């Protein structure tokens, strides 16, 4: 069943995957946005780092 109130974090990253972790950490520290799901898109080059 689809939940229309689900909080989703969609990140796009390339050669610096640490940006995803840093973003998630910053969001959870303020407790304003804690995602229910995280999706990450990357480049082929970023996938291999």
Protein backbone atom coordinates (compact mmCIF):
# COMPACT_ATOMS: atom_id res chain seq x y z
CA UNK A 1 0.00 0.00 0.00
CA UNK A 2 1.29 3.45 -0.92
CA UNK A 3 1.87 5.84 1.97
CA UNK A 4 1.47 9.44 0.77
CA UNK A 5 2.96 10.80 4.01
CA UNK A 6 6.27 9.00 3.63
CA UNK A 7 9.37 11.22 3.88
CA UNK A 8 11.86 10.36 1.15
CA UNK A 9 15.41 11.63 0.82
CA UNK A 10 16.66 11.48 -2.77
CA UNK A 11 20.39 12.18 -3.13
CA UNK A 12 22.43 12.62 -6.28
CA UNK A 13 26.16 12.12 -5.88
CA UNK A 14 29.22 11.48 -7.98
CA UNK A 15 32.76 11.17 -6.69
CA UNK A 16 31.93 12.31 -3.13
CA UNK A 17 29.56 9.74 -1.58
CA UNK A 18 30.27 11.14 1.90
CA UNK A 19 27.87 13.97 1.02
CA UNK A 20 24.99 11.52 1.54
CA UNK A 21 26.11 10.67 5.07
CA UNK A 22 26.79 14.30 5.92
CA UNK A 23 23.38 15.38 4.64
CA UNK A 24 21.58 12.67 6.59
CA UNK A 25 23.49 13.54 9.75
CA UNK A 26 22.68 17.26 9.43
CA UNK A 27 18.98 16.57 8.84
CA UNK A 28 18.67 14.28 11.84
CA UNK A 29 20.46 16.70 14.18
CA UNK A 30 17.78 19.33 13.64
CA UNK A 31 15.09 16.63 13.89
CA UNK A 32 13.05 18.53 11.29
CA UNK A 33 13.29 15.84 8.63
CA UNK A 34 14.02 12.20 9.36
CA UNK A 35 13.46 10.21 6.18
CA UNK A 36 11.53 6.96 5.99
CA UNK A 37 13.44 5.97 2.85
CA UNK A 38 16.69 7.04 1.16
CA UNK A 39 17.37 6.71 -2.56
CA UNK A 40 20.77 7.49 -4.05
CA UNK A 41 21.61 8.10 -7.70
CA UNK A 42 25.24 8.15 -8.76
CA UNK A 43 27.43 8.08 -11.83
CA UNK A 44 29.19 4.97 -13.09
CA UNK A 45 32.47 6.47 -11.93
CA UNK A 46 31.03 7.27 -8.50
CA UNK A 47 29.74 3.71 -8.15
CA UNK A 48 33.30 2.39 -8.36
CA UNK A 49 34.79 4.69 -5.69
